[in-house]
Amino acid sequence: MNETLTTLLLSVSPNVYVAKAPLDYSTPAIVYNHLATAPVDDLNADLDDLEEHAFALIQIDVYDPDLKVASALARTIRRKLRTTVERDFGVTWTECFSDTDETTERTLHRVVMRFRVFALM
């Protein structure tokens, strides 16, 4: 899944980082984290019920000085996850919010998205 996600994100921006961005990163930047995993041990789970399957909780953050740019990239990522990743994995968008970081030399906008990625077999 990590290879699929990295490839997908690199198709949106060349600045993709796992866990954290370096101090001198360029924008727009995408940072993704694997927040949690919920394993399942029921081999007889109903394939139509995603809640019965193992999933990983993934957070994808998009950073840019322009909120419109960050928001547009976030929408592109969400669309690509639905159309690309769903062929091999189930994907559910769980949350999205944005905030502004004004503690740096320039204002930086951040769009945060969280997804459940299910391991369907």
N, C-alpha and C. Protein backbone atom coordinates (compact mmCIF):
# COMPACT_ATOMS: atom_id res chain seq x y z
N MET A 1 0.81 -1.20 0.00
CA MET A 1 0.00 0.00 0.00
C MET A 1 0.85 1.26 0.00
N ASN A 2 1.97 1.26 0.76
CA ASN A 2 2.81 2.46 0.82
C ASN A 2 3.35 2.85 -0.55
N GLU A 3 3.76 1.86 -1.34
CA GLU A 3 4.26 2.16 -2.69
C GLU A 3 3.17 2.76 -3.55
N THR A 4 1.97 2.20 -3.47
CA THR A 4 0.84 2.71 -4.25
C THR A 4 0.52 4.13 -3.84
N LEU A 5 0.49 4.40 -2.54
CA LEU A 5 0.18 5.73 -2.05
C LEU A 5 1.26 6.74 -2.44
N THR A 6 2.52 6.37 -2.29
CA THR A 6 3.62 7.27 -2.65
C THR A 6 3.57 7.61 -4.14
N THR A 7 3.36 6.62 -4.97
CA THR A 7 3.28 6.85 -6.42
C THR A 7 2.13 7.78 -6.75
N LEU A 8 0.99 7.55 -6.13
CA LEU A 8 -0.18 8.40 -6.37
C LEU A 8 0.11 9.84 -5.95
N LEU A 9 0.69 10.03 -4.78
CA LEU A 9 0.96 11.39 -4.29
C LEU A 9 2.02 12.09 -5.13
N LEU A 10 3.02 11.36 -5.60
CA LEU A 10 4.04 11.96 -6.46
C LEU A 10 3.46 12.41 -7.80
N SER A 11 2.36 11.82 -8.21
CA SER A 11 1.71 12.26 -9.45
C SER A 11 1.00 13.60 -9.26
N VAL A 12 0.81 14.01 -8.00
CA VAL A 12 0.14 15.28 -7.69
C VAL A 12 1.16 16.38 -7.40
N SER A 13 2.25 16.03 -6.72
CA SER A 13 3.29 17.00 -6.36
C SER A 13 4.62 16.28 -6.22
N PRO A 14 5.73 16.92 -6.64
CA PRO A 14 7.04 16.27 -6.48
C PRO A 14 7.56 16.31 -5.04
N ASN A 15 6.90 17.06 -4.19
CA ASN A 15 7.34 17.23 -2.80
C ASN A 15 6.49 16.38 -1.87
N VAL A 16 6.82 15.09 -1.79
CA VAL A 16 6.06 14.15 -0.96
C VAL A 16 7.00 13.60 0.11
N TYR A 17 6.52 13.61 1.34
CA TYR A 17 7.34 13.17 2.47
C TYR A 17 6.54 12.24 3.36
N VAL A 18 7.23 11.26 3.93
CA VAL A 18 6.61 10.35 4.88
C VAL A 18 6.95 10.85 6.29
N ALA A 19 5.93 10.98 7.12
CA ALA A 19 6.03 11.36 8.53
C ALA A 19 6.29 12.85 8.77
N LYS A 20 7.32 13.43 8.13
CA LYS A 20 7.57 14.86 8.32
C LYS A 20 8.38 15.40 7.15
N ALA A 21 8.21 16.69 6.91
CA ALA A 21 8.96 17.35 5.85
C ALA A 21 10.29 17.86 6.39
N PRO A 22 11.29 17.96 5.54
CA PRO A 22 12.56 18.54 6.01
C PRO A 22 12.40 20.03 6.27
N LEU A 23 13.37 20.65 6.91
CA LEU A 23 13.28 22.07 7.25
C LEU A 23 13.22 22.97 6.01
N ASP A 24 13.85 22.57 4.93
CA ASP A 24 13.93 23.43 3.75
C ASP A 24 13.06 22.92 2.59
N TYR A 25 11.87 22.44 2.89
CA TYR A 25 11.02 21.87 1.85
C TYR A 25 10.38 22.96 0.98
N SER A 26 10.04 22.55 -0.25
CA SER A 26 9.35 23.44 -1.18
C SER A 26 7.86 23.16 -1.11
N THR A 27 7.07 24.14 -1.52
CA THR A 27 5.62 23.95 -1.55
C THR A 27 5.15 23.96 -2.99
N PRO A 28 4.03 23.34 -3.29
CA PRO A 28 3.18 22.63 -2.34
C PRO A 28 3.84 21.34 -1.87
N ALA A 29 3.61 21.01 -0.63
CA ALA A 29 4.19 19.81 -0.04
C ALA A 29 3.07 18.90 0.47
N ILE A 30 3.33 17.61 0.37
CA ILE A 30 2.39 16.61 0.88
C ILE A 30 3.15 15.74 1.88
N VAL A 31 2.58 15.60 3.06
CA VAL A 31 3.16 14.75 4.09
C VAL A 31 2.11 13.73 4.48
N TYR A 32 2.50 12.44 4.49
CA TYR A 32 1.52 11.44 4.91
C TYR A 32 2.06 10.58 6.03
N ASN A 33 1.14 10.14 6.86
CA ASN A 33 1.46 9.34 8.04
C ASN A 33 0.52 8.16 8.15
N HIS A 34 1.04 7.06 8.59
CA HIS A 34 0.24 5.89 8.93
C HIS A 34 -0.05 6.04 10.42
N LEU A 35 -1.29 6.40 10.76
CA LEU A 35 -1.64 6.70 12.15
C LEU A 35 -1.93 5.48 12.99
N ALA A 36 -2.60 4.49 12.39
CA ALA A 36 -3.00 3.32 13.18
C ALA A 36 -3.37 2.18 12.24
N THR A 37 -3.38 1.00 12.81
CA THR A 37 -3.83 -0.19 12.09
C THR A 37 -4.81 -0.92 12.98
N ALA A 38 -5.90 -1.36 12.38
CA ALA A 38 -6.90 -2.16 13.10
C ALA A 38 -6.97 -3.52 12.43
N PRO A 39 -6.26 -4.51 12.99
CA PRO A 39 -6.29 -5.83 12.38
C PRO A 39 -7.60 -6.55 12.69
N VAL A 40 -7.90 -7.55 11.88
CA VAL A 40 -9.08 -8.38 12.11
C VAL A 40 -8.64 -9.83 11.99
N ASP A 41 -9.20 -10.68 12.81
CA ASP A 41 -8.80 -12.08 12.75
C ASP A 41 -9.97 -12.99 12.37
N ASP A 42 -11.04 -12.43 11.87
CA ASP A 42 -12.21 -13.20 11.47
C ASP A 42 -12.10 -13.56 9.99
N LEU A 43 -11.71 -14.77 9.71
CA LEU A 43 -11.56 -15.20 8.32
C LEU A 43 -12.89 -15.37 7.62
N ASN A 44 -13.98 -15.38 8.37
CA ASN A 44 -15.31 -15.55 7.77
C ASN A 44 -16.06 -14.22 7.67
N ALA A 45 -15.36 -13.10 7.76
CA ALA A 45 -16.03 -11.79 7.71
C ALA A 45 -16.72 -11.60 6.37
N ASP A 46 -17.84 -10.93 6.41
CA ASP A 46 -18.62 -10.64 5.21
C ASP A 46 -17.92 -9.56 4.41
N LEU A 47 -17.57 -9.84 3.15
CA LEU A 47 -16.85 -8.89 2.32
C LEU A 47 -17.62 -7.62 2.05
N ASP A 48 -18.93 -7.63 2.22
CA ASP A 48 -19.73 -6.43 1.98
C ASP A 48 -19.70 -5.47 3.17
N ASP A 49 -19.20 -5.91 4.30
CA ASP A 49 -19.17 -5.09 5.49
C ASP A 49 -17.73 -4.68 5.79
N LEU A 50 -17.33 -3.47 5.33
CA LEU A 50 -15.94 -3.02 5.48
C LEU A 50 -15.51 -2.94 6.94
N GLU A 51 -16.43 -2.70 7.85
CA GLU A 51 -16.07 -2.59 9.25
C GLU A 51 -15.50 -3.91 9.80
N GLU A 52 -15.74 -5.01 9.11
CA GLU A 52 -15.25 -6.30 9.55
C GLU A 52 -13.84 -6.59 9.06
N HIS A 53 -13.25 -5.68 8.28
CA HIS A 53 -11.94 -5.94 7.69
C HIS A 53 -10.86 -5.09 8.33
N ALA A 54 -9.64 -5.57 8.22
CA ALA A 54 -8.50 -4.83 8.72
C ALA A 54 -8.37 -3.53 7.93
N PHE A 55 -7.96 -2.48 8.61
CA PHE A 55 -7.73 -1.22 7.90
C PHE A 55 -6.57 -0.47 8.52
N ALA A 56 -6.00 0.41 7.71
CA ALA A 56 -4.98 1.33 8.18
C ALA A 56 -5.58 2.73 8.13
N LEU A 57 -5.32 3.52 9.15
CA LEU A 57 -5.75 4.91 9.17
C LEU A 57 -4.58 5.75 8.68
N ILE A 58 -4.80 6.46 7.58
CA ILE A 58 -3.76 7.25 6.92
C ILE A 58 -4.15 8.72 7.00
N GLN A 59 -3.19 9.57 7.35
CA GLN A 59 -3.42 11.02 7.32
C GLN A 59 -2.54 11.62 6.24
N ILE A 60 -3.14 12.46 5.41
CA ILE A 60 -2.42 13.15 4.35
C ILE A 60 -2.60 14.65 4.58
N ASP A 61 -1.48 15.36 4.73
CA ASP A 61 -1.49 16.81 4.93
C ASP A 61 -0.94 17.48 3.67
N VAL A 62 -1.62 18.52 3.22
CA VAL A 62 -1.17 19.30 2.07
C VAL A 62 -0.86 20.71 2.56
N TYR A 63 0.34 21.20 2.24
CA TYR A 63 0.79 22.52 2.69
C TYR A 63 1.08 23.43 1.49
N ASP A 64 0.63 24.67 1.58
CA ASP A 64 0.96 25.66 0.58
C ASP A 64 0.64 27.06 1.13
N PRO A 65 1.37 28.10 0.70
CA PRO A 65 1.05 29.45 1.13
C PRO A 65 -0.32 29.93 0.64
N ASP A 66 -0.84 29.30 -0.41
CA ASP A 66 -2.13 29.69 -0.98
C ASP A 66 -3.17 28.62 -0.63
N LEU A 67 -4.20 29.00 0.12
CA LEU A 67 -5.23 28.04 0.54
C LEU A 67 -5.92 27.39 -0.66
N LYS A 68 -6.12 28.17 -1.73
CA LYS A 68 -6.77 27.61 -2.92
C LYS A 68 -5.93 26.49 -3.53
N VAL A 69 -4.63 26.66 -3.56
CA VAL A 69 -3.73 25.63 -4.10
C VAL A 69 -3.78 24.39 -3.21
N ALA A 70 -3.67 24.57 -1.91
CA ALA A 70 -3.71 23.43 -0.98
C ALA A 70 -5.04 22.69 -1.08
N SER A 71 -6.14 23.42 -1.17
CA SER A 71 -7.47 22.80 -1.27
C SER A 71 -7.63 22.05 -2.58
N ALA A 72 -7.15 22.62 -3.67
CA ALA A 72 -7.26 21.96 -4.98
C ALA A 72 -6.45 20.67 -5.00
N LEU A 73 -5.25 20.70 -4.41
CA LEU A 73 -4.44 19.47 -4.34
C LEU A 73 -5.12 18.41 -3.48
N ALA A 74 -5.71 18.84 -2.37
CA ALA A 74 -6.42 17.89 -1.51
C ALA A 74 -7.57 17.23 -2.26
N ARG A 75 -8.33 18.01 -3.04
CA ARG A 75 -9.43 17.43 -3.83
C ARG A 75 -8.90 16.46 -4.87
N THR A 76 -7.78 16.79 -5.50
CA THR A 76 -7.18 15.90 -6.49
C THR A 76 -6.74 14.59 -5.85
N ILE A 77 -6.12 14.68 -4.69
CA ILE A 77 -5.69 13.47 -3.98
C ILE A 77 -6.88 12.60 -3.63
N ARG A 78 -7.93 13.20 -3.11
CA ARG A 78 -9.13 12.44 -2.74
C ARG A 78 -9.74 11.74 -3.95
N ARG A 79 -9.82 12.46 -5.07
CA ARG A 79 -10.37 11.87 -6.30
C ARG A 79 -9.49 10.73 -6.79
N LYS A 80 -8.18 10.92 -6.77
CA LYS A 80 -7.27 9.87 -7.24
C LYS A 80 -7.30 8.65 -6.32
N LEU A 81 -7.44 8.87 -5.02
CA LEU A 81 -7.55 7.73 -4.11
C LEU A 81 -8.79 6.90 -4.44
N ARG A 82 -9.90 7.59 -4.71
CA ARG A 82 -11.13 6.87 -5.03
C ARG A 82 -11.01 6.11 -6.34
N THR A 83 -10.38 6.70 -7.34
CA THR A 83 -10.35 6.07 -8.67
C THR A 83 -9.17 5.13 -8.87
N THR A 84 -8.08 5.34 -8.17
CA THR A 84 -6.88 4.52 -8.37
C THR A 84 -6.73 3.42 -7.33
N VAL A 85 -6.78 3.80 -6.07
CA VAL A 85 -6.50 2.86 -4.99
C VAL A 85 -7.65 1.89 -4.76
N GLU A 86 -8.88 2.32 -5.02
CA GLU A 86 -10.03 1.46 -4.74
C GLU A 86 -10.05 0.19 -5.57
N ARG A 87 -9.27 0.14 -6.65
CA ARG A 87 -9.21 -1.10 -7.43
C ARG A 87 -8.61 -2.24 -6.61
N ASP A 88 -7.65 -1.91 -5.74
CA ASP A 88 -6.96 -2.94 -4.96
C ASP A 88 -7.30 -2.90 -3.47
N PHE A 89 -7.76 -1.77 -2.99
CA PHE A 89 -8.05 -1.59 -1.58
C PHE A 89 -9.37 -0.84 -1.46
N GLY A 90 -10.05 -1.01 -0.34
CA GLY A 90 -11.22 -0.17 -0.07
C GLY A 90 -10.75 1.10 0.61
N VAL A 91 -11.30 2.24 0.23
CA VAL A 91 -10.89 3.51 0.81
C VAL A 91 -12.12 4.27 1.28
N THR A 92 -12.07 4.75 2.51
CA THR A 92 -13.15 5.57 3.05
C THR A 92 -12.54 6.87 3.58
N TRP A 93 -13.06 7.99 3.11
CA TRP A 93 -12.62 9.30 3.57
C TRP A 93 -13.32 9.55 4.88
N THR A 94 -12.57 9.79 5.97
CA THR A 94 -13.19 9.92 7.29
C THR A 94 -13.25 11.34 7.81
N GLU A 95 -12.32 12.19 7.38
CA GLU A 95 -12.27 13.52 7.98
C GLU A 95 -11.44 14.46 7.11
N CYS A 96 -11.79 15.74 7.13
CA CYS A 96 -10.99 16.75 6.44
C CYS A 96 -11.16 18.08 7.18
N PHE A 97 -10.07 18.78 7.39
CA PHE A 97 -10.14 20.12 7.96
C PHE A 97 -8.91 20.91 7.50
N SER A 98 -8.97 22.21 7.66
CA SER A 98 -7.82 23.03 7.29
C SER A 98 -7.48 23.97 8.43
N ASP A 99 -6.23 24.38 8.48
CA ASP A 99 -5.81 25.36 9.46
C ASP A 99 -4.70 26.22 8.86
N THR A 100 -4.30 27.24 9.57
CA THR A 100 -3.29 28.18 9.10
C THR A 100 -2.18 28.26 10.12
N ASP A 101 -0.94 28.14 9.64
CA ASP A 101 0.22 28.28 10.51
C ASP A 101 0.85 29.64 10.24
N GLU A 102 0.78 30.52 11.21
CA GLU A 102 1.36 31.85 11.06
C GLU A 102 2.59 32.02 11.95
N THR A 103 3.15 30.92 12.42
CA THR A 103 4.33 31.01 13.28
C THR A 103 5.62 31.02 12.46
N THR A 104 5.51 30.78 11.16
CA THR A 104 6.68 30.78 10.30
C THR A 104 6.82 32.15 9.64
N GLU A 105 7.88 32.35 8.84
CA GLU A 105 8.11 33.64 8.18
C GLU A 105 6.99 33.99 7.23
N ARG A 106 6.36 33.01 6.65
CA ARG A 106 5.21 33.26 5.78
C ARG A 106 4.06 32.37 6.22
N THR A 107 2.86 32.84 5.98
CA THR A 107 1.68 32.07 6.36
C THR A 107 1.62 30.81 5.51
N LEU A 108 1.34 29.71 6.14
CA LEU A 108 1.26 28.44 5.45
C LEU A 108 -0.09 27.80 5.76
N HIS A 109 -0.81 27.44 4.71
CA HIS A 109 -2.11 26.79 4.87
C HIS A 109 -1.92 25.28 4.80
N ARG A 110 -2.72 24.58 5.59
CA ARG A 110 -2.63 23.12 5.68
C ARG A 110 -4.02 22.55 5.56
N VAL A 111 -4.17 21.57 4.67
CA VAL A 111 -5.41 20.82 4.56
C VAL A 111 -5.09 19.40 5.02
N VAL A 112 -5.84 18.93 6.00
CA VAL A 112 -5.61 17.61 6.60
C VAL A 112 -6.75 16.68 6.19
N MET A 113 -6.39 15.51 5.67
CA MET A 113 -7.38 14.49 5.30
C MET A 113 -7.01 13.18 5.98
N ARG A 114 -8.02 12.48 6.44
CA ARG A 114 -7.79 11.16 7.02
C ARG A 114 -8.64 10.14 6.26
N PHE A 115 -8.03 9.00 6.00
CA PHE A 115 -8.67 7.94 5.24
C PHE A 115 -8.49 6.62 5.95
N ARG A 116 -9.49 5.77 5.83
CA ARG A 116 -9.33 4.36 6.21
C ARG A 116 -9.07 3.60 4.92
N VAL A 117 -8.01 2.83 4.91
CA VAL A 117 -7.68 2.00 3.75
C VAL A 117 -7.85 0.56 4.21
N PHE A 118 -8.81 -0.13 3.60
CA PHE A 118 -9.17 -1.49 3.99
C PHE A 118 -8.41 -2.50 3.16
N ALA A 119 -7.99 -3.57 3.80
CA ALA A 119 -7.32 -4.66 3.10
C ALA A 119 -8.36 -5.71 2.72
N LEU A 120 -8.90 -5.56 1.55
CA LEU A 120 -9.90 -6.51 1.07
C LEU A 120 -9.20 -7.67 0.37
N MET A 121 -9.68 -8.87 0.60
CA MET A 121 -9.08 -10.04 -0.04
C MET A 121 -10.12 -10.84 -0.76
